[in-house]
Amino acid sequence: MRDAEYGSWNRSRWVRGEDINDEQLSFFYTCYHQTIAEHGSFLYLTRKFFETFRQNA
């Protein structure tokens, strides 16, 4: 959750497998990619991984 001063959303919800749309998947992958970059780690999960996970979840 985020405070109003930091963004427009302030609640979370669970979304599973086939209910995850392309926009949500892109947002999640962007967050993953940014976190890896900020911590100097190695990006080993690809966008294809997340797409496959969504289809098989």
PDB file of N, CA and C in Angstrom:
ATOM      1  N   MET A   1       0.832  -1.182   0.000  1.00  0.00           N
ATOM      2  CA  MET A   1       0.000   0.000   0.000  1.00  0.00           C
ATOM      3  C   MET A   1       0.873   1.239   0.000  1.00  0.00           C
ATOM      4  N   ARG A   2       0.382   2.276  -0.607  1.00  0.00           N
ATOM      5  CA  ARG A   2       1.102   3.534  -0.667  1.00  0.00           C
ATOM      6  C   ARG A   2       0.240   4.638  -0.083  1.00  0.00           C
ATOM      7  N   ASP A   3       0.881   5.595   0.549  1.00  0.00           N
ATOM      8  CA  ASP A   3       0.169   6.768   1.043  1.00  0.00           C
ATOM      9  C   ASP A   3      -0.226   7.655  -0.123  1.00  0.00           C
ATOM     10  N   ALA A   4      -1.259   8.447   0.053  1.00  0.00           N
ATOM     11  CA  ALA A   4      -1.750   9.319  -1.009  1.00  0.00           C
ATOM     12  C   ALA A   4      -0.675  10.268  -1.519  1.00  0.00           C
ATOM     13  N   GLU A   5       0.227  10.687  -0.645  1.00  0.00           N
ATOM     14  CA  GLU A   5       1.269  11.619  -1.081  1.00  0.00           C
ATOM     15  C   GLU A   5       2.249  10.974  -2.053  1.00  0.00           C
ATOM     16  N   TYR A   6       2.323   9.658  -2.080  1.00  0.00           N
ATOM     17  CA  TYR A   6       3.269   8.967  -2.949  1.00  0.00           C
ATOM     18  C   TYR A   6       2.653   8.424  -4.227  1.00  0.00           C
ATOM     19  N   GLY A   7       1.362   8.365  -4.291  1.00  0.00           N
ATOM     20  CA  GLY A   7       0.743   7.823  -5.500  1.00  0.00           C
ATOM     21  C   GLY A   7      -0.763   7.793  -5.393  1.00  0.00           C
ATOM     22  N   SER A   8      -1.392   7.420  -6.471  1.00  0.00           N
ATOM     23  CA  SER A   8      -2.845   7.464  -6.527  1.00  0.00           C
ATOM     24  C   SER A   8      -3.512   6.179  -6.040  1.00  0.00           C
ATOM     25  N   TRP A   9      -2.765   5.111  -5.861  1.00  0.00           N
ATOM     26  CA  TRP A   9      -3.390   3.869  -5.407  1.00  0.00           C
ATOM     27  C   TRP A   9      -3.008   3.595  -3.963  1.00  0.00           C
ATOM     28  N   ASN A  10      -3.885   2.964  -3.240  1.00  0.00           N
ATOM     29  CA  ASN A  10      -3.634   2.703  -1.830  1.00  0.00           C
ATOM     30  C   ASN A  10      -4.182   1.359  -1.376  1.00  0.00           C
ATOM     31  N   ARG A  11      -4.366   0.453  -2.294  1.00  0.00           N
ATOM     32  CA  ARG A  11      -4.833  -0.880  -1.917  1.00  0.00           C
ATOM     33  C   ARG A  11      -4.206  -1.929  -2.825  1.00  0.00           C
ATOM     34  N   SER A  12      -4.209  -3.132  -2.335  1.00  0.00           N
ATOM     35  CA  SER A  12      -3.656  -4.255  -3.087  1.00  0.00           C
ATOM     36  C   SER A  12      -4.743  -5.302  -3.268  1.00  0.00           C
ATOM     37  N   ARG A  13      -4.550  -6.133  -4.278  1.00  0.00           N
ATOM     38  CA  ARG A  13      -5.464  -7.262  -4.463  1.00  0.00           C
ATOM     39  C   ARG A  13      -4.695  -8.405  -5.110  1.00  0.00           C
ATOM     40  N   TRP A  14      -5.142  -9.605  -4.858  1.00  0.00           N
ATOM     41  CA  TRP A  14      -4.525 -10.788  -5.442  1.00  0.00           C
ATOM     42  C   TRP A  14      -5.089 -11.006  -6.837  1.00  0.00           C
ATOM     43  N   VAL A  15      -4.213 -11.347  -7.769  1.00  0.00           N
ATOM     44  CA  VAL A  15      -4.628 -11.691  -9.127  1.00  0.00           C
ATOM     45  C   VAL A  15      -3.885 -12.973  -9.486  1.00  0.00           C
ATOM     46  N   ARG A  16      -4.586 -13.935 -10.046  1.00  0.00           N
ATOM     47  CA  ARG A  16      -3.974 -15.224 -10.352  1.00  0.00           C
ATOM     48  C   ARG A  16      -3.948 -15.514 -11.846  1.00  0.00           C
ATOM     49  N   GLY A  17      -2.907 -16.213 -12.252  1.00  0.00           N
ATOM     50  CA  GLY A  17      -2.777 -16.781 -13.584  1.00  0.00           C
ATOM     51  C   GLY A  17      -3.455 -16.055 -14.720  1.00  0.00           C
ATOM     52  N   GLU A  18      -4.506 -16.684 -15.246  1.00  0.00           N
ATOM     53  CA  GLU A  18      -5.173 -16.160 -16.434  1.00  0.00           C
ATOM     54  C   GLU A  18      -5.875 -14.827 -16.187  1.00  0.00           C
ATOM     55  N   ASP A  19      -6.029 -14.428 -14.923  1.00  0.00           N
ATOM     56  CA  ASP A  19      -6.648 -13.140 -14.603  1.00  0.00           C
ATOM     57  C   ASP A  19      -5.658 -11.977 -14.697  1.00  0.00           C
ATOM     58  N   ILE A  20      -4.377 -12.274 -14.853  1.00  0.00           N
ATOM     59  CA  ILE A  20      -3.355 -11.232 -14.969  1.00  0.00           C
ATOM     60  C   ILE A  20      -3.354 -10.721 -16.406  1.00  0.00           C
ATOM     61  N   ASN A  21      -3.615  -9.423 -16.562  1.00  0.00           N
ATOM     62  CA  ASN A  21      -3.637  -8.865 -17.917  1.00  0.00           C
ATOM     63  C   ASN A  21      -2.235  -8.386 -18.318  1.00  0.00           C
ATOM     64  N   ASP A  22      -2.092  -8.001 -19.567  1.00  0.00           N
ATOM     65  CA  ASP A  22      -0.780  -7.591 -20.088  1.00  0.00           C
ATOM     66  C   ASP A  22      -0.223  -6.371 -19.364  1.00  0.00           C
ATOM     67  N   GLU A  23      -1.075  -5.423 -19.018  1.00  0.00           N
ATOM     68  CA  GLU A  23      -0.623  -4.223 -18.310  1.00  0.00           C
ATOM     69  C   GLU A  23      -0.064  -4.584 -16.932  1.00  0.00           C
ATOM     70  N   GLN A  24      -0.740  -5.467 -16.218  1.00  0.00           N
ATOM     71  CA  GLN A  24      -0.269  -5.901 -14.906  1.00  0.00           C
ATOM     72  C   GLN A  24       1.043  -6.664 -15.026  1.00  0.00           C
ATOM     73  N   LEU A  25       1.140  -7.515 -16.024  1.00  0.00           N
ATOM     74  CA  LEU A  25       2.367  -8.275 -16.234  1.00  0.00           C
ATOM     75  C   LEU A  25       3.533  -7.342 -16.540  1.00  0.00           C
ATOM     76  N   SER A  26       3.305  -6.358 -17.374  1.00  0.00           N
ATOM     77  CA  SER A  26       4.354  -5.387 -17.704  1.00  0.00           C
ATOM     78  C   SER A  26       4.786  -4.608 -16.472  1.00  0.00           C
ATOM     79  N   PHE A  27       3.824  -4.198 -15.647  1.00  0.00           N
ATOM     80  CA  PHE A  27       4.145  -3.471 -14.420  1.00  0.00           C
ATOM     81  C   PHE A  27       4.990  -4.336 -13.488  1.00  0.00           C
ATOM     82  N   PHE A  28       4.590  -5.585 -13.305  1.00  0.00           N
ATOM     83  CA  PHE A  28       5.324  -6.484 -12.421  1.00  0.00           C
ATOM     84  C   PHE A  28       6.749  -6.701 -12.923  1.00  0.00           C
ATOM     85  N   TYR A  29       6.889  -6.935 -14.220  1.00  0.00           N
ATOM     86  CA  TYR A  29       8.225  -7.156 -14.785  1.00  0.00           C
ATOM     87  C   TYR A  29       9.081  -5.897 -14.655  1.00  0.00           C
ATOM     88  N   THR A  30       8.492  -4.731 -14.869  1.00  0.00           N
ATOM     89  CA  THR A  30       9.226  -3.474 -14.713  1.00  0.00           C
ATOM     90  C   THR A  30       9.707  -3.309 -13.275  1.00  0.00           C
ATOM     91  N   CYS A  31       8.862  -3.616 -12.311  1.00  0.00           N
ATOM     92  CA  CYS A  31       9.263  -3.546 -10.895  1.00  0.00           C
ATOM     93  C   CYS A  31      10.402  -4.513 -10.610  1.00  0.00           C
ATOM     94  N   TYR A  32      10.302  -5.732 -11.110  1.00  0.00           N
ATOM     95  CA  TYR A  32      11.358  -6.727 -10.936  1.00  0.00           C
ATOM     96  C   TYR A  32      12.666  -6.217 -11.537  1.00  0.00           C
ATOM     97  N   HIS A  33      12.598  -5.718 -12.761  1.00  0.00           N
ATOM     98  CA  HIS A  33      13.778  -5.228 -13.474  1.00  0.00           C
ATOM     99  C   HIS A  33      14.416  -4.061 -12.717  1.00  0.00           C
ATOM    100  N   GLN A  34      13.610  -3.135 -12.235  1.00  0.00           N
ATOM    101  CA  GLN A  34      14.113  -1.970 -11.510  1.00  0.00           C
ATOM    102  C   GLN A  34      14.759  -2.378 -10.189  1.00  0.00           C
ATOM    103  N   THR A  35      14.156  -3.310  -9.487  1.00  0.00           N
ATOM    104  CA  THR A  35      14.716  -3.775  -8.221  1.00  0.00           C
ATOM    105  C   THR A  35      16.075  -4.423  -8.439  1.00  0.00           C
ATOM    106  N   ILE A  36      16.195  -5.245  -9.473  1.00  0.00           N
ATOM    107  CA  ILE A  36      17.473  -5.878  -9.800  1.00  0.00           C
ATOM    108  C   ILE A  36      18.520  -4.814 -10.096  1.00  0.00           C
ATOM    109  N   ALA A  37      18.161  -3.809 -10.882  1.00  0.00           N
ATOM    110  CA  ALA A  37      19.100  -2.740 -11.246  1.00  0.00           C
ATOM    111  C   ALA A  37      19.538  -1.947 -10.019  1.00  0.00           C
ATOM    112  N   GLU A  38      18.610  -1.645  -9.132  1.00  0.00           N
ATOM    113  CA  GLU A  38      18.924  -0.858  -7.939  1.00  0.00           C
ATOM    114  C   GLU A  38      19.848  -1.594  -6.985  1.00  0.00           C
ATOM    115  N   HIS A  39      19.774  -2.905  -6.969  1.00  0.00           N
ATOM    116  CA  HIS A  39      20.575  -3.687  -6.030  1.00  0.00           C
ATOM    117  C   HIS A  39      21.806  -4.314  -6.676  1.00  0.00           C
ATOM    118  N   GLY A  40      22.033  -4.000  -7.939  1.00  0.00           N
ATOM    119  CA  GLY A  40      23.228  -4.487  -8.622  1.00  0.00           C
ATOM    120  C   GLY A  40      23.275  -5.989  -8.782  1.00  0.00           C
ATOM    121  N   SER A  41      22.131  -6.583  -8.904  1.00  0.00           N
ATOM    122  CA  SER A  41      22.065  -8.030  -9.050  1.00  0.00           C
ATOM    123  C   SER A  41      21.995  -8.407 -10.525  1.00  0.00           C
ATOM    124  N   PHE A  42      21.855  -9.690 -10.780  1.00  0.00           N
ATOM    125  CA  PHE A  42      21.821 -10.211 -12.142  1.00  0.00           C
ATOM    126  C   PHE A  42      20.382 -10.505 -12.546  1.00  0.00           C
ATOM    127  N   LEU A  43      19.970  -9.991 -13.678  1.00  0.00           N
ATOM    128  CA  LEU A  43      18.618 -10.192 -14.200  1.00  0.00           C
ATOM    129  C   LEU A  43      18.543 -11.578 -14.845  1.00  0.00           C
ATOM    130  N   TYR A  44      17.976 -12.543 -14.141  1.00  0.00           N
ATOM    131  CA  TYR A  44      17.948 -13.909 -14.674  1.00  0.00           C
ATOM    132  C   TYR A  44      16.555 -14.396 -15.044  1.00  0.00           C
ATOM    133  N   LEU A  45      15.501 -13.713 -14.594  1.00  0.00           N
ATOM    134  CA  LEU A  45      14.156 -14.076 -15.012  1.00  0.00           C
ATOM    135  C   LEU A  45      13.758 -13.177 -16.174  1.00  0.00           C
ATOM    136  N   THR A  46      13.337 -13.774 -17.265  1.00  0.00           N
ATOM    137  CA  THR A  46      12.972 -13.009 -18.458  1.00  0.00           C
ATOM    138  C   THR A  46      11.477 -12.697 -18.451  1.00  0.00           C
ATOM    139  N   ARG A  47      11.096 -11.773 -19.314  1.00  0.00           N
ATOM    140  CA  ARG A  47       9.665 -11.486 -19.465  1.00  0.00           C
ATOM    141  C   ARG A  47       8.928 -12.746 -19.926  1.00  0.00           C
ATOM    142  N   LYS A  48       9.567 -13.532 -20.784  1.00  0.00           N
ATOM    143  CA  LYS A  48       8.969 -14.787 -21.255  1.00  0.00           C
ATOM    144  C   LYS A  48       8.673 -15.718 -20.078  1.00  0.00           C
ATOM    145  N   PHE A  49       9.549 -15.733 -19.080  1.00  0.00           N
ATOM    146  CA  PHE A  49       9.313 -16.536 -17.879  1.00  0.00           C
ATOM    147  C   PHE A  49       7.988 -16.137 -17.225  1.00  0.00           C
ATOM    148  N   PHE A  50       7.779 -14.831 -17.052  1.00  0.00           N
ATOM    149  CA  PHE A  50       6.559 -14.356 -16.408  1.00  0.00           C
ATOM    150  C   PHE A  50       5.323 -14.646 -17.259  1.00  0.00           C
ATOM    151  N   GLU A  51       5.457 -14.543 -18.572  1.00  0.00           N
ATOM    152  CA  GLU A  51       4.340 -14.866 -19.465  1.00  0.00           C
ATOM    153  C   GLU A  51       3.985 -16.345 -19.366  1.00  0.00           C
ATOM    154  N   THR A  52       4.995 -17.197 -19.343  1.00  0.00           N
ATOM    155  CA  THR A  52       4.774 -18.638 -19.220  1.00  0.00           C
ATOM    156  C   THR A  52       4.177 -18.978 -17.865  1.00  0.00           C
ATOM    157  N   PHE A  53       4.675 -18.337 -16.824  1.00  0.00           N
ATOM    158  CA  PHE A  53       4.152 -18.562 -15.476  1.00  0.00           C
ATOM    159  C   PHE A  53       2.667 -18.193 -15.413  1.00  0.00           C
ATOM    160  N   ARG A  54       2.313 -17.077 -16.035  1.00  0.00           N
ATOM    161  CA  ARG A  54       0.911 -16.634 -16.059  1.00  0.00           C
ATOM    162  C   ARG A  54       0.033 -17.690 -16.735  1.00  0.00           C
ATOM    163  N   GLN A  55       0.499 -18.248 -17.833  1.00  0.00           N
ATOM    164  CA  GLN A  55      -0.287 -19.231 -18.576  1.00  0.00           C
ATOM    165  C   GLN A  55      -0.446 -20.541 -17.816  1.00  0.00           C
ATOM    166  N   ASN A  56       0.550 -20.885 -17.007  1.00  0.00           N
ATOM    167  CA  ASN A  56       0.552 -22.183 -16.333  1.00  0.00           C
ATOM    168  C   ASN A  56       0.145 -22.120 -14.868  1.00  0.00           C
ATOM    169  N   ALA A  57      -0.164 -20.936 -14.373  1.00  0.00           N
ATOM    170  CA  ALA A  57      -0.506 -20.792 -12.950  1.00  0.00           C
ATOM    171  C   ALA A  57      -1.928 -21.232 -12.679  1.00  0.00           C
TER     172      ALA A  57
END
